[in-house]
Amino acid sequence: MRSIYRWQRTNWRFMKVLMVLWFGVVGLITLSAAVDVIAGLGWGYQAKDIGGGLLMIALGGLAIPVFWVIKTLVVSITRGIYGPEPGTDET
């Protein structure tokens, strides 16, 4: 039974790391597109790339509450089936 709760914690931790990486990479690409468009450095970015990057950041931000709701549902279902996590004071 402990492995189920461990699996949940691992998945939630992975999601947190994935979201940080997502915002970091997409933010860096969007920032470099903005710098290229403003300064004309010739990196190959266009103005529409900035909008695409901002859209990807916004959609990533919308994914956070969705992931939180899914996590809450999974935890509730698991607690309903298997009871509270062993070693906790939940009743």
Protein backbone atom coordinates (compact mmCIF):
# COMPACT_ATOMS: atom_id res chain seq x y z
CA MET A 1 0.00 0.00 0.00
CA ARG A 2 2.87 2.37 0.67
CA SER A 3 3.98 2.01 -2.93
CA ILE A 4 0.74 3.62 -4.13
CA TYR A 5 1.36 6.72 -2.06
CA ARG A 6 5.03 6.76 -3.09
CA TRP A 7 3.92 6.59 -6.72
CA GLN A 8 1.60 9.57 -6.20
CA ARG A 9 4.35 11.66 -4.59
CA THR A 10 6.77 10.73 -7.39
CA ASN A 11 4.27 11.74 -10.07
CA TRP A 12 3.50 15.05 -8.36
CA ARG A 13 7.23 15.78 -7.98
CA PHE A 14 7.82 14.93 -11.65
CA MET A 15 5.01 17.29 -12.67
CA LYS A 16 6.53 20.12 -10.65
CA VAL A 17 9.95 19.60 -12.24
CA LEU A 18 8.41 19.32 -15.70
CA MET A 19 6.52 22.61 -15.28
CA VAL A 20 9.67 24.44 -14.14
CA LEU A 21 11.56 23.08 -17.14
CA TRP A 22 8.66 24.01 -19.45
CA PHE A 23 8.55 27.62 -18.26
CA GLY A 24 12.34 27.88 -18.31
CA VAL A 25 12.84 26.57 -21.85
CA VAL A 26 9.83 28.31 -23.39
CA GLY A 27 10.64 31.54 -21.55
CA LEU A 28 14.23 31.44 -22.78
CA ILE A 29 13.15 30.81 -26.37
CA THR A 30 10.53 33.58 -26.19
CA LEU A 31 13.05 35.99 -24.69
CA SER A 32 15.61 35.21 -27.38
CA ALA A 33 12.94 35.73 -30.04
CA ALA A 34 12.10 39.13 -28.53
CA VAL A 35 15.76 40.13 -28.39
CA ASP A 36 16.27 39.03 -31.99
CA VAL A 37 13.23 40.92 -33.27
CA ILE A 38 14.05 44.10 -31.33
CA ALA A 39 17.82 44.13 -31.93
CA GLY A 40 17.76 42.55 -35.40
CA LEU A 41 20.50 40.04 -34.60
CA GLY A 42 19.58 37.73 -37.48
CA TRP A 43 18.93 34.60 -35.44
CA GLY A 44 15.94 33.74 -37.63
CA TYR A 45 13.11 34.60 -35.26
CA GLN A 46 10.09 36.57 -36.42
CA ALA A 47 7.60 38.69 -34.48
CA LYS A 48 5.01 35.89 -34.61
CA ASP A 49 7.43 33.65 -32.69
CA ILE A 50 7.08 35.94 -29.66
CA GLY A 51 3.30 35.51 -29.72
CA GLY A 52 3.67 31.75 -30.07
CA GLY A 53 6.00 31.64 -27.08
CA LEU A 54 3.66 33.74 -24.96
CA LEU A 55 0.78 31.43 -25.94
CA MET A 56 2.82 28.39 -24.89
CA ILE A 57 3.59 30.05 -21.54
CA ALA A 58 -0.10 30.85 -21.02
CA LEU A 59 -1.18 27.30 -21.87
CA GLY A 60 1.47 25.94 -19.51
CA GLY A 61 0.06 28.19 -16.80
CA LEU A 62 -3.42 26.85 -17.46
CA ALA A 63 -2.11 23.29 -17.12
CA ILE A 64 -1.08 23.83 -13.49
CA PRO A 65 -4.64 23.98 -12.07
CA VAL A 66 -5.68 21.06 -14.29
CA PHE A 67 -2.82 18.94 -12.95
CA TRP A 68 -3.68 19.99 -9.39
CA VAL A 69 -7.32 18.91 -9.83
CA ILE A 70 -6.24 15.56 -11.28
CA LYS A 71 -3.81 15.05 -8.40
CA THR A 72 -6.51 15.89 -5.85
CA LEU A 73 -8.92 13.43 -7.45
CA VAL A 74 -6.34 10.64 -7.53
CA VAL A 75 -5.42 11.22 -3.88
CA SER A 76 -9.10 11.23 -2.87
CA ILE A 77 -9.82 8.02 -4.76
CA THR A 78 -6.74 6.33 -3.33
CA ARG A 79 -7.62 7.36 0.23
CA GLY A 80 -11.18 6.17 -0.34
CA ILE A 81 -10.01 2.74 -1.49
CA TYR A 82 -6.90 2.15 0.67
CA GLY A 83 -7.41 4.52 3.60
CA PRO A 84 -4.96 7.15 4.83
CA GLU A 85 -1.29 6.81 4.11
CA PRO A 86 0.45 4.64 6.70
CA GLY A 87 2.42 6.66 9.21
CA THR A 88 0.16 9.73 9.11
CA ASP A 89 -2.25 10.95 11.77
CA GLU A 90 -5.22 11.17 9.39
CA THR A 91 -8.36 9.39 10.51
